[in-house]
Amino acid sequence: MINNKTTAVRIIPVPGKDVGDEVEFGGLLGRAPVMAVNAYSADDFIRRGGRVPAPIHSLKN
C-alpha cells in the first residue's frame, strides 16, 4: 500500500517478445518492458476456499 491506497498492475500478454524487450502500446498505455511472471501456481491457495478479508483501516490513529 502506498499513501493508504492499494496498488495494482495490468498484465498484458505479448506473444513473440522476450524478457527485457520493450513494447509500445500507444495511446495512454505508452510503453513498458517485458517482465518475467511468477512461475508458482496459486491452485493450492484457491482450493482452500474462503475469502480474503478487506484491509482493516479502523486501527489507524
N, C-alpha and C. Protein backbone atom coordinates (compact mmCIF):
# COMPACT_ATOMS: atom_id res chain seq x y z
N MET A 1 0.84 -1.18 0.00
CA MET A 1 0.00 0.00 0.00
C MET A 1 0.89 1.24 0.00
N ILE A 2 0.49 2.20 -0.78
CA ILE A 2 1.20 3.48 -0.85
C ILE A 2 0.18 4.58 -0.60
N ASN A 3 0.48 5.49 0.32
CA ASN A 3 -0.44 6.58 0.67
C ASN A 3 -1.82 6.06 1.04
N ASN A 4 -1.85 4.95 1.77
CA ASN A 4 -3.10 4.33 2.21
C ASN A 4 -4.02 3.92 1.05
N LYS A 5 -3.45 3.68 -0.11
CA LYS A 5 -4.23 3.23 -1.26
C LYS A 5 -3.61 1.93 -1.78
N THR A 6 -4.43 1.00 -2.18
CA THR A 6 -3.89 -0.23 -2.75
C THR A 6 -3.36 0.07 -4.14
N THR A 7 -2.37 -0.69 -4.54
CA THR A 7 -1.79 -0.51 -5.87
C THR A 7 -2.17 -1.70 -6.73
N ALA A 8 -2.04 -1.58 -8.03
CA ALA A 8 -2.41 -2.66 -8.94
C ALA A 8 -1.51 -2.63 -10.17
N VAL A 9 -1.55 -3.69 -10.93
CA VAL A 9 -0.81 -3.78 -12.19
C VAL A 9 -1.74 -4.33 -13.26
N ARG A 10 -1.39 -4.07 -14.49
CA ARG A 10 -2.07 -4.71 -15.62
C ARG A 10 -1.09 -5.68 -16.24
N ILE A 11 -1.51 -6.91 -16.38
CA ILE A 11 -0.67 -7.91 -17.01
C ILE A 11 -1.21 -8.13 -18.42
N ILE A 12 -0.40 -7.75 -19.40
CA ILE A 12 -0.81 -7.83 -20.80
C ILE A 12 0.13 -8.81 -21.50
N PRO A 13 -0.38 -9.95 -21.96
CA PRO A 13 0.49 -10.89 -22.67
C PRO A 13 0.93 -10.31 -24.01
N VAL A 14 2.20 -10.51 -24.34
CA VAL A 14 2.75 -10.01 -25.60
C VAL A 14 3.46 -11.18 -26.29
N PRO A 15 2.77 -11.88 -27.18
CA PRO A 15 3.38 -13.02 -27.87
C PRO A 15 4.57 -12.56 -28.73
N GLY A 16 5.60 -13.37 -28.75
CA GLY A 16 6.75 -13.10 -29.61
C GLY A 16 7.80 -12.20 -28.99
N LYS A 17 7.62 -11.75 -27.75
CA LYS A 17 8.60 -10.90 -27.09
C LYS A 17 9.28 -11.69 -25.98
N ASP A 18 10.52 -11.32 -25.66
CA ASP A 18 11.27 -11.96 -24.59
C ASP A 18 11.43 -11.00 -23.42
N VAL A 19 11.77 -11.55 -22.26
CA VAL A 19 12.00 -10.73 -21.06
C VAL A 19 13.10 -9.71 -21.38
N GLY A 20 12.83 -8.46 -21.05
CA GLY A 20 13.79 -7.39 -21.30
C GLY A 20 13.46 -6.56 -22.53
N ASP A 21 12.66 -7.11 -23.45
CA ASP A 21 12.23 -6.34 -24.62
C ASP A 21 11.30 -5.22 -24.18
N GLU A 22 11.18 -4.20 -25.00
CA GLU A 22 10.26 -3.10 -24.70
C GLU A 22 9.12 -3.14 -25.71
N VAL A 23 7.90 -2.87 -25.23
CA VAL A 23 6.70 -2.93 -26.07
C VAL A 23 6.06 -1.56 -26.09
N GLU A 24 5.66 -1.10 -27.27
CA GLU A 24 4.95 0.18 -27.42
C GLU A 24 3.47 -0.13 -27.63
N PHE A 25 2.63 0.27 -26.67
CA PHE A 25 1.20 0.01 -26.76
C PHE A 25 0.46 1.16 -27.41
N GLY A 26 1.02 2.35 -27.38
CA GLY A 26 0.38 3.51 -27.98
C GLY A 26 -0.69 4.09 -27.07
N GLY A 27 -1.14 5.28 -27.39
CA GLY A 27 -2.20 5.93 -26.62
C GLY A 27 -1.80 6.16 -25.17
N LEU A 28 -2.75 6.00 -24.27
CA LEU A 28 -2.49 6.25 -22.86
C LEU A 28 -1.66 5.16 -22.19
N LEU A 29 -1.58 3.97 -22.79
CA LEU A 29 -0.81 2.89 -22.18
C LEU A 29 0.69 3.08 -22.36
N GLY A 30 1.12 3.78 -23.38
CA GLY A 30 2.53 4.08 -23.58
C GLY A 30 3.36 2.85 -23.84
N ARG A 31 4.57 2.83 -23.28
CA ARG A 31 5.47 1.69 -23.49
C ARG A 31 5.82 1.06 -22.16
N ALA A 32 6.23 -0.20 -22.22
CA ALA A 32 6.56 -0.93 -20.99
C ALA A 32 7.57 -2.02 -21.30
N PRO A 33 8.39 -2.38 -20.32
CA PRO A 33 9.31 -3.51 -20.51
C PRO A 33 8.57 -4.83 -20.32
N VAL A 34 9.05 -5.86 -20.98
CA VAL A 34 8.51 -7.21 -20.79
C VAL A 34 9.20 -7.79 -19.57
N MET A 35 8.39 -8.22 -18.58
CA MET A 35 8.94 -8.74 -17.33
C MET A 35 8.54 -10.19 -17.14
N ALA A 36 9.35 -10.93 -16.40
CA ALA A 36 9.05 -12.33 -16.10
C ALA A 36 7.86 -12.40 -15.14
N VAL A 37 7.05 -13.43 -15.29
CA VAL A 37 5.89 -13.63 -14.41
C VAL A 37 6.23 -14.76 -13.44
N ASN A 38 5.70 -14.67 -12.22
CA ASN A 38 5.93 -15.68 -11.20
C ASN A 38 5.55 -17.06 -11.73
N ALA A 39 6.44 -18.02 -11.59
CA ALA A 39 6.21 -19.37 -12.12
C ALA A 39 5.41 -20.25 -11.17
N TYR A 40 5.17 -19.79 -9.94
CA TYR A 40 4.44 -20.60 -8.97
C TYR A 40 2.94 -20.52 -9.20
N SER A 41 2.24 -21.57 -8.83
CA SER A 41 0.80 -21.65 -9.02
C SER A 41 0.05 -21.25 -7.75
N ALA A 42 -1.13 -20.67 -7.91
CA ALA A 42 -1.97 -20.31 -6.77
C ALA A 42 -3.07 -21.36 -6.54
N ASP A 43 -2.98 -22.50 -7.20
CA ASP A 43 -4.02 -23.52 -7.12
C ASP A 43 -4.29 -23.98 -5.69
N ASP A 44 -3.25 -24.22 -4.90
CA ASP A 44 -3.44 -24.68 -3.51
C ASP A 44 -4.17 -23.62 -2.70
N PHE A 45 -3.81 -22.36 -2.88
CA PHE A 45 -4.46 -21.27 -2.16
C PHE A 45 -5.93 -21.16 -2.55
N ILE A 46 -6.24 -21.28 -3.82
CA ILE A 46 -7.62 -21.18 -4.30
C ILE A 46 -8.45 -22.36 -3.83
N ARG A 47 -7.85 -23.53 -3.82
CA ARG A 47 -8.56 -24.74 -3.41
C ARG A 47 -8.98 -24.69 -1.94
N ARG A 48 -8.29 -23.90 -1.10
CA ARG A 48 -8.64 -23.78 0.30
C ARG A 48 -10.00 -23.14 0.50
N GLY A 49 -10.48 -22.38 -0.46
CA GLY A 49 -11.79 -21.74 -0.35
C GLY A 49 -11.75 -20.55 0.59
N GLY A 50 -12.91 -20.15 1.06
CA GLY A 50 -12.98 -19.00 1.94
C GLY A 50 -12.84 -17.70 1.17
N ARG A 51 -12.47 -16.65 1.89
CA ARG A 51 -12.30 -15.37 1.23
C ARG A 51 -11.15 -14.61 1.86
N VAL A 52 -10.62 -13.66 1.13
CA VAL A 52 -9.56 -12.82 1.64
C VAL A 52 -10.21 -11.55 2.17
N PRO A 53 -10.05 -11.23 3.45
CA PRO A 53 -10.71 -10.05 4.01
C PRO A 53 -10.13 -8.75 3.46
N ALA A 54 -10.94 -7.72 3.46
CA ALA A 54 -10.50 -6.39 3.04
C ALA A 54 -9.52 -5.84 4.07
N PRO A 55 -8.67 -4.90 3.66
CA PRO A 55 -7.73 -4.30 4.63
C PRO A 55 -8.50 -3.59 5.76
N ILE A 56 -7.93 -3.64 6.95
CA ILE A 56 -8.55 -3.01 8.11
C ILE A 56 -8.01 -1.59 8.24
N HIS A 57 -8.88 -0.60 8.15
CA HIS A 57 -8.48 0.80 8.26
C HIS A 57 -8.82 1.39 9.63
N SER A 58 -9.61 0.68 10.42
CA SER A 58 -10.07 1.23 11.68
C SER A 58 -9.01 1.23 12.77
N LEU A 59 -7.85 0.59 12.54
CA LEU A 59 -6.81 0.53 13.55
C LEU A 59 -5.86 1.71 13.49
N LYS A 60 -6.10 2.64 12.58
CA LYS A 60 -5.22 3.82 12.47
C LYS A 60 -5.63 4.87 13.47
N ASN A 61 -4.67 5.68 13.91
CA ASN A 61 -4.97 6.76 14.83
C ASN A 61 -5.41 7.99 14.09
